Amino acid sequence: MRNIETASTVKLVRQNLRLVKQLYPGLQQQDFQALRSLTQSLHLSVLSGEILHIDGRWYVTHAGLLQIALKRRCLGIRTTLQEKVSDSNACRWVFKATVYKSPRSRGFVGYGDADPSNVSSLVHGAEMRVAETRAVNRALRKAYGIGLCSVEELGSVPSRSNDSRSFVQPKPSSNGNDGHQNGQPRLRDRLCLLIRQHKLDANLVKSYAADYCGTATVREASRDLVEAFINDLALRVVKDRDGLICQLNSYAKSQEVAP
């Protein structure tokens, strides 16, 4: 794809590079170069959550793919449940999505599946919607020649997996060096940095994190959930700090009324 250096593209490149330095401390030069190229070719915004950096790789999001389709005047998207290979009792769903770029387009097809074993615990019970989203993402990536994998296509991979491409990073090691892979700081260090930089209440953030991860305490949450929370918190504090503060204060009120 051609990289068109318009004024808006140059502005977006600068905004993305400035923001990721805050969100992802420890990124390597090649990561910034890859982001610059992706911004120029796809015009994706980090602030809008259209592109994310996870486990050393850049991923496009569903929101980013829809923006690309909109800007390139996609004609339409059709989704169909594949009933023969779906199983409602097992919460396993398979969808077929077809993207039509123009009136004469024969369509670009993508399939997506989801069940409790390959989605995050945060979306258990919503496997049907996840499957449809994955199908749409794959069809859009085919239609517009996007080599980046989408975040929604990533499954909840068991920690025993040795695949370096898996979404779930290794569990913390006993020597305390977890999270320092490839020069990346520990997740706890990133969270503490966010709290200090933006003057957040640490106790309220912990309550919010536990609620976000669906656990009694943050320590009980898996590493991938904690990382997802930190990424989300970093985006929210930049994009909507007032809304975030309001939500954090709600945990203070709930603590006051607790017996």
C-alpha atoms as a PDB file:
ATOM      1  CA  MET A   1       0.000   0.000   0.000  1.00  0.00           C
ATOM      2  CA  ARG A   2       1.193   3.523  -0.747  1.00  0.00           C
ATOM      3  CA  ASN A   3       2.222   5.793   2.094  1.00  0.00           C
ATOM      4  CA  ILE A   4       0.662   9.186   1.468  1.00  0.00           C
ATOM      5  CA  GLU A   5       2.319  11.922   3.569  1.00  0.00           C
ATOM      6  CA  THR A   6      -0.576  14.325   4.024  1.00  0.00           C
ATOM      7  CA  ALA A   7      -0.652  16.893   6.818  1.00  0.00           C
ATOM      8  CA  SER A   8      -3.186  14.787   8.737  1.00  0.00           C
ATOM      9  CA  THR A   9      -0.998  11.700   8.382  1.00  0.00           C
ATOM     10  CA  VAL A  10       2.071  13.520   9.688  1.00  0.00           C
ATOM     11  CA  LYS A  11       0.040  14.794  12.640  1.00  0.00           C
ATOM     12  CA  LEU A  12      -1.292  11.306  13.399  1.00  0.00           C
ATOM     13  CA  VAL A  13       2.189   9.767  13.206  1.00  0.00           C
ATOM     14  CA  ARG A  14       3.471  12.280  15.752  1.00  0.00           C
ATOM     15  CA  GLN A  15       0.463  11.730  18.013  1.00  0.00           C
ATOM     16  CA  ASN A  16       0.811   7.939  17.883  1.00  0.00           C
ATOM     17  CA  LEU A  17       4.553   7.977  18.580  1.00  0.00           C
ATOM     18  CA  ARG A  18       4.136  10.412  21.475  1.00  0.00           C
ATOM     19  CA  LEU A  19       1.325   8.378  23.024  1.00  0.00           C
ATOM     20  CA  VAL A  20       2.975   4.944  22.787  1.00  0.00           C
ATOM     21  CA  LYS A  21       6.010   6.280  24.621  1.00  0.00           C
ATOM     22  CA  GLN A  22       3.655   6.843  27.569  1.00  0.00           C
ATOM     23  CA  LEU A  23       1.641   3.653  27.162  1.00  0.00           C
ATOM     24  CA  TYR A  24       4.430   1.186  26.417  1.00  0.00           C
ATOM     25  CA  PRO A  25       7.704   2.128  28.154  1.00  0.00           C
ATOM     26  CA  GLY A  26      10.648   0.095  26.891  1.00  0.00           C
ATOM     27  CA  LEU A  27       9.611  -0.243  23.239  1.00  0.00           C
ATOM     28  CA  GLN A  28      12.454  -0.850  20.822  1.00  0.00           C
ATOM     29  CA  GLN A  29      13.318   1.311  17.814  1.00  0.00           C
ATOM     30  CA  GLN A  30      11.902  -1.276  15.422  1.00  0.00           C
ATOM     31  CA  ASP A  31       8.559  -1.040  17.211  1.00  0.00           C
ATOM     32  CA  PHE A  32       8.407   2.709  16.594  1.00  0.00           C
ATOM     33  CA  GLN A  33       9.425   2.222  12.964  1.00  0.00           C
ATOM     34  CA  ALA A  34       6.698  -0.387  12.492  1.00  0.00           C
ATOM     35  CA  LEU A  35       4.120   1.948  14.069  1.00  0.00           C
ATOM     36  CA  ARG A  36       5.180   4.812  11.815  1.00  0.00           C
ATOM     37  CA  SER A  37       4.786   2.628   8.725  1.00  0.00           C
ATOM     38  CA  LEU A  38       1.404   1.271   9.850  1.00  0.00           C
ATOM     39  CA  THR A  39       0.141   4.764  10.625  1.00  0.00           C
ATOM     40  CA  GLN A  40       1.192   6.025   7.204  1.00  0.00           C
ATOM     41  CA  SER A  41      -0.355   3.119   5.307  1.00  0.00           C
ATOM     42  CA  LEU A  42      -3.487   2.399   7.359  1.00  0.00           C
ATOM     43  CA  HIS A  43      -4.015   5.700   9.209  1.00  0.00           C
ATOM     44  CA  LEU A  44      -4.764   3.930  12.497  1.00  0.00           C
ATOM     45  CA  SER A  45      -5.022   5.857  15.769  1.00  0.00           C
ATOM     46  CA  VAL A  46      -3.565   4.629  19.057  1.00  0.00           C
ATOM     47  CA  LEU A  47      -5.700   7.103  21.027  1.00  0.00           C
ATOM     48  CA  SER A  48      -8.878   5.719  19.459  1.00  0.00           C
ATOM     49  CA  GLY A  49      -7.853   2.157  20.307  1.00  0.00           C
ATOM     50  CA  GLU A  50      -7.488   1.153  16.644  1.00  0.00           C
ATOM     51  CA  ILE A  51      -4.048  -0.386  17.100  1.00  0.00           C
ATOM     52  CA  LEU A  52      -2.465  -2.024  20.164  1.00  0.00           C
ATOM     53  CA  HIS A  53       0.960  -3.368  21.139  1.00  0.00           C
ATOM     54  CA  ILE A  54       0.752  -6.769  22.838  1.00  0.00           C
ATOM     55  CA  ASP A  55       3.620  -9.123  23.693  1.00  0.00           C
ATOM     56  CA  GLY A  56       6.060  -7.454  21.304  1.00  0.00           C
ATOM     57  CA  ARG A  57       3.695  -7.206  18.314  1.00  0.00           C
ATOM     58  CA  TRP A  58       1.300  -4.662  16.835  1.00  0.00           C
ATOM     59  CA  TYR A  59      -2.333  -5.698  16.422  1.00  0.00           C
ATOM     60  CA  VAL A  60      -5.228  -3.972  14.698  1.00  0.00           C
ATOM     61  CA  THR A  61      -8.579  -3.852  16.523  1.00  0.00           C
ATOM     62  CA  HIS A  62     -12.145  -4.313  15.301  1.00  0.00           C
ATOM     63  CA  ALA A  63     -12.629  -0.549  15.593  1.00  0.00           C
ATOM     64  CA  GLY A  64      -9.553   0.023  13.439  1.00  0.00           C
ATOM     65  CA  LEU A  65     -10.733  -2.372  10.743  1.00  0.00           C
ATOM     66  CA  LEU A  66     -14.158  -0.719  10.618  1.00  0.00           C
ATOM     67  CA  GLN A  67     -12.488   2.671  10.224  1.00  0.00           C
ATOM     68  CA  ILE A  68     -10.434   1.354   7.317  1.00  0.00           C
ATOM     69  CA  ALA A  69     -13.561  -0.065   5.685  1.00  0.00           C
ATOM     70  CA  LEU A  70     -15.408   3.223   6.173  1.00  0.00           C
ATOM     71  CA  LYS A  71     -12.618   5.352   4.732  1.00  0.00           C
ATOM     72  CA  ARG A  72     -12.347   3.062   1.705  1.00  0.00           C
ATOM     73  CA  ARG A  73     -16.106   3.125   1.167  1.00  0.00           C
ATOM     74  CA  CYS A  74     -16.885  -0.514   1.823  1.00  0.00           C
ATOM     75  CA  LEU A  75     -20.253  -1.370   0.278  1.00  0.00           C
ATOM     76  CA  GLY A  76     -21.384  -3.764   3.001  1.00  0.00           C
ATOM     77  CA  ILE A  77     -20.761  -6.781   5.235  1.00  0.00           C
ATOM     78  CA  ARG A  78     -22.962  -9.866   5.508  1.00  0.00           C
ATOM     79  CA  THR A  79     -22.665 -12.390   8.326  1.00  0.00           C
ATOM     80  CA  THR A  80     -24.211 -15.856   8.509  1.00  0.00           C
ATOM     81  CA  LEU A  81     -24.286 -18.311  11.403  1.00  0.00           C
ATOM     82  CA  GLN A  82     -22.910 -21.706  10.380  1.00  0.00           C
ATOM     83  CA  GLU A  83     -25.485 -23.805  12.188  1.00  0.00           C
ATOM     84  CA  LYS A  84     -24.148 -27.218  11.127  1.00  0.00           C
ATOM     85  CA  VAL A  85     -20.824 -26.715  12.883  1.00  0.00           C
ATOM     86  CA  SER A  86     -22.133 -24.639  15.806  1.00  0.00           C
ATOM     87  CA  ASP A  87     -23.258 -26.119  19.123  1.00  0.00           C
ATOM     88  CA  SER A  88     -25.384 -23.934  21.407  1.00  0.00           C
ATOM     89  CA  ASN A  89     -25.099 -26.422  24.293  1.00  0.00           C
ATOM     90  CA  ALA A  90     -21.319 -26.136  24.247  1.00  0.00           C
ATOM     91  CA  CYS A  91     -21.427 -22.377  23.543  1.00  0.00           C
ATOM     92  CA  ARG A  92     -19.489 -23.005  20.344  1.00  0.00           C
ATOM     93  CA  TRP A  93     -20.356 -20.726  17.436  1.00  0.00           C
ATOM     94  CA  VAL A  94     -19.018 -20.386  13.903  1.00  0.00           C
ATOM     95  CA  PHE A  95     -19.801 -17.472  11.606  1.00  0.00           C
ATOM     96  CA  LYS A  96     -19.126 -16.696   7.987  1.00  0.00           C
ATOM     97  CA  ALA A  97     -18.630 -13.060   7.004  1.00  0.00           C
ATOM     98  CA  THR A  98     -18.551 -11.640   3.478  1.00  0.00           C
ATOM     99  CA  VAL A  99     -17.212  -8.163   2.740  1.00  0.00           C
ATOM    100  CA  TYR A 100     -18.329  -6.387  -0.443  1.00  0.00           C
ATOM    101  CA  LYS A 101     -15.997  -3.591  -1.478  1.00  0.00           C
ATOM    102  CA  SER A 102     -18.087  -2.406  -4.436  1.00  0.00           C
ATOM    103  CA  PRO A 103     -21.350  -3.219  -6.265  1.00  0.00           C
ATOM    104  CA  ARG A 104     -19.441  -5.551  -8.592  1.00  0.00           C
ATOM    105  CA  SER A 105     -17.470  -7.258  -5.833  1.00  0.00           C
ATOM    106  CA  ARG A 106     -17.963 -11.019  -5.514  1.00  0.00           C
ATOM    107  CA  GLY A 107     -17.110 -10.711  -1.859  1.00  0.00           C
ATOM    108  CA  PHE A 108     -14.206 -11.554   0.443  1.00  0.00           C
ATOM    109  CA  VAL A 109     -15.022 -14.362   2.865  1.00  0.00           C
ATOM    110  CA  GLY A 110     -13.756 -14.918   6.381  1.00  0.00           C
ATOM    111  CA  TYR A 111     -14.737 -17.416   9.089  1.00  0.00           C
ATOM    112  CA  GLY A 112     -14.629 -16.965  12.835  1.00  0.00           C
ATOM    113  CA  ASP A 113     -15.256 -19.391  15.701  1.00  0.00           C
ATOM    114  CA  ALA A 114     -15.498 -18.979  19.457  1.00  0.00           C
ATOM    115  CA  ASP A 115     -16.157 -21.162  22.481  1.00  0.00           C
ATOM    116  CA  PRO A 116     -15.289 -20.916  26.191  1.00  0.00           C
ATOM    117  CA  SER A 117     -11.855 -22.461  25.584  1.00  0.00           C
ATOM    118  CA  ASN A 118     -10.590 -19.801  23.170  1.00  0.00           C
ATOM    119  CA  VAL A 119     -12.003 -16.543  24.557  1.00  0.00           C
ATOM    120  CA  SER A 120     -11.113 -14.466  27.595  1.00  0.00           C
ATOM    121  CA  SER A 121     -13.063 -15.138  30.780  1.00  0.00           C
ATOM    122  CA  LEU A 122     -14.242 -11.524  30.523  1.00  0.00           C
ATOM    123  CA  VAL A 123     -16.491 -12.431  27.587  1.00  0.00           C
ATOM    124  CA  HIS A 124     -17.771 -15.838  28.683  1.00  0.00           C
ATOM    125  CA  GLY A 125     -21.419 -15.973  27.713  1.00  0.00           C
ATOM    126  CA  ALA A 126     -20.823 -13.755  24.679  1.00  0.00           C
ATOM    127  CA  GLU A 127     -19.112 -16.349  22.484  1.00  0.00           C
ATOM    128  CA  MET A 128     -21.621 -15.842  19.660  1.00  0.00           C
ATOM    129  CA  ARG A 129     -20.748 -12.149  19.337  1.00  0.00           C
ATOM    130  CA  VAL A 130     -17.034 -12.890  19.541  1.00  0.00           C
ATOM    131  CA  ALA A 131     -17.316 -15.445  16.737  1.00  0.00           C
ATOM    132  CA  GLU A 132     -19.143 -12.967  14.497  1.00  0.00           C
ATOM    133  CA  THR A 133     -16.578 -10.243  15.210  1.00  0.00           C
ATOM    134  CA  ARG A 134     -13.708 -12.596  14.382  1.00  0.00           C
ATOM    135  CA  ALA A 135     -15.351 -13.564  11.097  1.00  0.00           C
ATOM    136  CA  VAL A 136     -15.860  -9.914  10.134  1.00  0.00           C
ATOM    137  CA  ASN A 137     -12.260  -9.072  11.050  1.00  0.00           C
ATOM    138  CA  ARG A 138     -10.841 -11.855   8.914  1.00  0.00           C
ATOM    139  CA  ALA A 139     -13.014 -10.889   5.953  1.00  0.00           C
ATOM    140  CA  LEU A 140     -12.020  -7.216   6.253  1.00  0.00           C
ATOM    141  CA  ARG A 141      -8.335  -8.088   6.495  1.00  0.00           C
ATOM    142  CA  LYS A 142      -8.614 -10.179   3.326  1.00  0.00           C
ATOM    143  CA  ALA A 143     -10.573  -7.516   1.481  1.00  0.00           C
ATOM    144  CA  TYR A 144      -8.088  -4.733   2.197  1.00  0.00           C
ATOM    145  CA  GLY A 145      -4.864  -6.725   2.287  1.00  0.00           C
ATOM    146  CA  ILE A 146      -4.106  -6.135   5.958  1.00  0.00           C
ATOM    147  CA  GLY A 147      -1.442  -8.501   7.238  1.00  0.00           C
ATOM    148  CA  LEU A 148      -1.816  -7.497  10.896  1.00  0.00           C
ATOM    149  CA  CYS A 149      -3.726  -9.973  13.031  1.00  0.00           C
ATOM    150  CA  SER A 150      -6.651  -8.430  14.899  1.00  0.00           C
ATOM    151  CA  VAL A 151      -6.847  -8.412  18.691  1.00  0.00           C
ATOM    152  CA  GLU A 152     -10.278 -10.046  18.686  1.00  0.00           C
ATOM    153  CA  GLU A 153      -8.923 -13.063  16.791  1.00  0.00           C
ATOM    154  CA  LEU A 154      -6.530 -13.859  19.625  1.00  0.00           C
ATOM    155  CA  GLY A 155      -7.729 -16.643  21.855  1.00  0.00           C
ATOM    156  CA  SER A 156      -7.219 -17.227  25.551  1.00  0.00           C
ATOM    157  CA  VAL A 157      -4.231 -19.530  25.229  1.00  0.00           C
ATOM    158  CA  PRO A 158      -3.434 -21.890  28.151  1.00  0.00           C
ATOM    159  CA  SER A 159      -0.300 -20.906  30.035  1.00  0.00           C
ATOM    160  CA  ARG A 160       1.280 -24.269  29.237  1.00  0.00           C
ATOM    161  CA  SER A 161       1.591 -23.253  25.599  1.00  0.00           C
ATOM    162  CA  ASN A 162       5.172 -22.631  24.481  1.00  0.00           C
ATOM    163  CA  ASP A 163       4.111 -20.702  21.378  1.00  0.00           C
ATOM    164  CA  SER A 164       5.830 -17.308  21.581  1.00  0.00           C
ATOM    165  CA  ARG A 165       3.015 -15.812  19.543  1.00  0.00           C
ATOM    166  CA  SER A 166       0.374 -16.618  22.156  1.00  0.00           C
ATOM    167  CA  PHE A 167      -1.642 -13.840  23.705  1.00  0.00           C
ATOM    168  CA  VAL A 168      -0.995 -14.947  27.283  1.00  0.00           C
ATOM    169  CA  GLN A 169       2.489 -14.182  28.509  1.00  0.00           C
ATOM    170  CA  PRO A 170       4.311 -16.556  30.882  1.00  0.00           C
ATOM    171  CA  LYS A 171       3.303 -16.449  34.524  1.00  0.00           C
ATOM    172  CA  PRO A 172       5.610 -14.532  36.887  1.00  0.00           C
ATOM    173  CA  SER A 173       8.754 -16.423  37.811  1.00  0.00           C
ATOM    174  CA  SER A 174       9.992 -16.865  41.361  1.00  0.00           C
ATOM    175  CA  ASN A 175      13.143 -14.805  40.718  1.00  0.00           C
ATOM    176  CA  GLY A 176      11.111 -11.626  40.272  1.00  0.00           C
ATOM    177  CA  ASN A 177      12.302 -10.975  36.719  1.00  0.00           C
ATOM    178  CA  ASP A 178       8.940 -11.560  35.096  1.00  0.00           C
ATOM    179  CA  GLY A 179       7.856  -8.952  32.595  1.00  0.00           C
ATOM    180  CA  HIS A 180      11.409  -7.835  31.772  1.00  0.00           C
ATOM    181  CA  GLN A 181      11.428  -9.791  28.520  1.00  0.00           C
ATOM    182  CA  ASN A 182      12.789  -7.807  25.571  1.00  0.00           C
ATOM    183  CA  GLY A 183      13.527  -4.885  27.874  1.00  0.00           C
ATOM    184  CA  GLN A 184       9.872  -4.435  28.871  1.00  0.00           C
ATOM    185  CA  PRO A 185       9.209  -3.295  32.451  1.00  0.00           C
ATOM    186  CA  ARG A 186       7.128  -5.404  34.816  1.00  0.00           C
ATOM    187  CA  LEU A 187       3.372  -4.935  34.704  1.00  0.00           C
ATOM    188  CA  ARG A 188       3.350  -3.736  38.311  1.00  0.00           C
ATOM    189  CA  ASP A 189       5.973  -1.121  37.466  1.00  0.00           C
ATOM    190  CA  ARG A 190       3.880   0.101  34.529  1.00  0.00           C
ATOM    191  CA  LEU A 191       0.802   0.365  36.731  1.00  0.00           C
ATOM    192  CA  CYS A 192       2.674   2.237  39.468  1.00  0.00           C
ATOM    193  CA  LEU A 193       4.072   4.616  36.861  1.00  0.00           C
ATOM    194  CA  LEU A 194       0.584   5.355  35.541  1.00  0.00           C
ATOM    195  CA  ILE A 195      -0.703   6.001  39.070  1.00  0.00           C
ATOM    196  CA  ARG A 196       2.156   8.398  39.861  1.00  0.00           C
ATOM    197  CA  GLN A 197       2.135  10.210  36.508  1.00  0.00           C
ATOM    198  CA  HIS A 198      -1.597  10.894  36.565  1.00  0.00           C
ATOM    199  CA  LYS A 199      -1.990  11.237  40.347  1.00  0.00           C
ATOM    200  CA  LEU A 200      -4.517   8.437  40.737  1.00  0.00           C
ATOM    201  CA  ASP A 201      -5.633   6.876  44.011  1.00  0.00           C
ATOM    202  CA  ALA A 202      -3.771   3.557  44.220  1.00  0.00           C
ATOM    203  CA  ASN A 203      -6.401   1.827  46.377  1.00  0.00           C
ATOM    204  CA  LEU A 204      -9.227   2.823  44.052  1.00  0.00           C
ATOM    205  CA  VAL A 205      -7.226   1.660  41.046  1.00  0.00           C
ATOM    206  CA  LYS A 206      -6.724  -1.712  42.740  1.00  0.00           C
ATOM    207  CA  SER A 207     -10.463  -2.014  43.344  1.00  0.00           C
ATOM    208  CA  TYR A 208     -11.157  -1.084  39.731  1.00  0.00           C
ATOM    209  CA  ALA A 209      -8.566  -3.603  38.510  1.00  0.00           C
ATOM    210  CA  ALA A 210     -10.067  -6.444  40.535  1.00  0.00           C
ATOM    211  CA  ASP A 211     -13.547  -5.594  39.245  1.00  0.00           C
ATOM    212  CA  TYR A 212     -12.219  -5.388  35.676  1.00  0.00           C
ATOM    213  CA  CYS A 213     -10.541  -8.790  35.962  1.00  0.00           C
ATOM    214  CA  GLY A 214     -13.516 -10.361  37.710  1.00  0.00           C
ATOM    215  CA  THR A 215     -11.500 -11.489  40.736  1.00  0.00           C
ATOM    216  CA  ALA A 216     -11.569 -10.716  44.460  1.00  0.00           C
ATOM    217  CA  THR A 217      -8.067  -9.221  44.315  1.00  0.00           C
ATOM    218  CA  VAL A 218      -5.671  -8.234  41.537  1.00  0.00           C
ATOM    219  CA  ARG A 219      -3.222 -10.957  42.603  1.00  0.00           C
ATOM    220  CA  GLU A 220      -5.770 -13.615  41.682  1.00  0.00           C
ATOM    221  CA  ALA A 221      -6.086 -12.333  38.090  1.00  0.00           C
ATOM    222  CA  SER A 222      -4.132 -13.900  35.244  1.00  0.00           C
ATOM    223  CA  ARG A 223      -1.281 -11.979  33.660  1.00  0.00           C
ATOM    224  CA  ASP A 224      -3.127 -11.390  30.378  1.00  0.00           C
ATOM    225  CA  LEU A 225      -6.100  -9.841  32.206  1.00  0.00           C
ATOM    226  CA  VAL A 226      -3.830  -7.545  34.217  1.00  0.00           C
ATOM    227  CA  GLU A 227      -2.020  -6.452  31.065  1.00  0.00           C
ATOM    228  CA  ALA A 228      -5.343  -5.788  29.321  1.00  0.00           C
ATOM    229  CA  PHE A 229      -6.451  -3.691  32.318  1.00  0.00           C
ATOM    230  CA  ILE A 230      -3.252  -1.629  32.301  1.00  0.00           C
ATOM    231  CA  ASN A 231      -3.519  -0.981  28.552  1.00  0.00           C
ATOM    232  CA  ASP A 232      -7.145   0.061  28.959  1.00  0.00           C
ATOM    233  CA  LEU A 233      -6.342   2.284  31.956  1.00  0.00           C
ATOM    234  CA  ALA A 234      -3.518   3.986  30.051  1.00  0.00           C
ATOM    235  CA  LEU A 235      -5.836   4.799  27.161  1.00  0.00           C
ATOM    236  CA  ARG A 236      -8.668   6.016  29.368  1.00  0.00           C
ATOM    237  CA  VAL A 237      -6.532   8.303  31.493  1.00  0.00           C
ATOM    238  CA  VAL A 238      -5.369  10.066  28.322  1.00  0.00           C
ATOM    239  CA  LYS A 239      -8.646  10.037  26.412  1.00  0.00           C
ATOM    240  CA  ASP A 240     -11.192  10.570  29.215  1.00  0.00           C
ATOM    241  CA  ARG A 241      -9.518  11.297  32.545  1.00  0.00           C
ATOM    242  CA  ASP A 242     -12.624  12.927  34.049  1.00  0.00           C
ATOM    243  CA  GLY A 243     -14.735   9.868  33.253  1.00  0.00           C
ATOM    244  CA  LEU A 244     -12.062   7.581  34.727  1.00  0.00           C
ATOM    245  CA  ILE A 245     -11.855   9.625  37.939  1.00  0.00           C
ATOM    246  CA  CYS A 246     -15.632   9.495  38.246  1.00  0.00           C
ATOM    247  CA  GLN A 247     -15.578   5.707  37.911  1.00  0.00           C
ATOM    248  CA  LEU A 248     -12.753   5.365  40.446  1.00  0.00           C
ATOM    249  CA  ASN A 249     -14.675   7.526  42.921  1.00  0.00           C
ATOM    250  CA  SER A 250     -17.603   5.130  42.655  1.00  0.00           C
ATOM    251  CA  TYR A 251     -15.412   2.474  44.289  1.00  0.00           C
ATOM    252  CA  ALA A 252     -14.694   4.854  47.158  1.00  0.00           C
ATOM    253  CA  LYS A 253     -18.430   5.242  47.759  1.00  0.00           C
ATOM    254  CA  SER A 254     -18.974   1.462  47.662  1.00  0.00           C
ATOM    255  CA  GLN A 255     -16.219   1.021  50.246  1.00  0.00           C
ATOM    256  CA  GLU A 256     -17.892   3.580  52.523  1.00  0.00           C
ATOM    257  CA  VAL A 257     -21.204   1.740  52.543  1.00  0.00           C
ATOM    258  CA  ALA A 258     -19.622  -1.711  52.925  1.00  0.00           C
ATOM    259  CA  PRO A 259     -20.337  -3.307  56.324  1.00  0.00           C
END
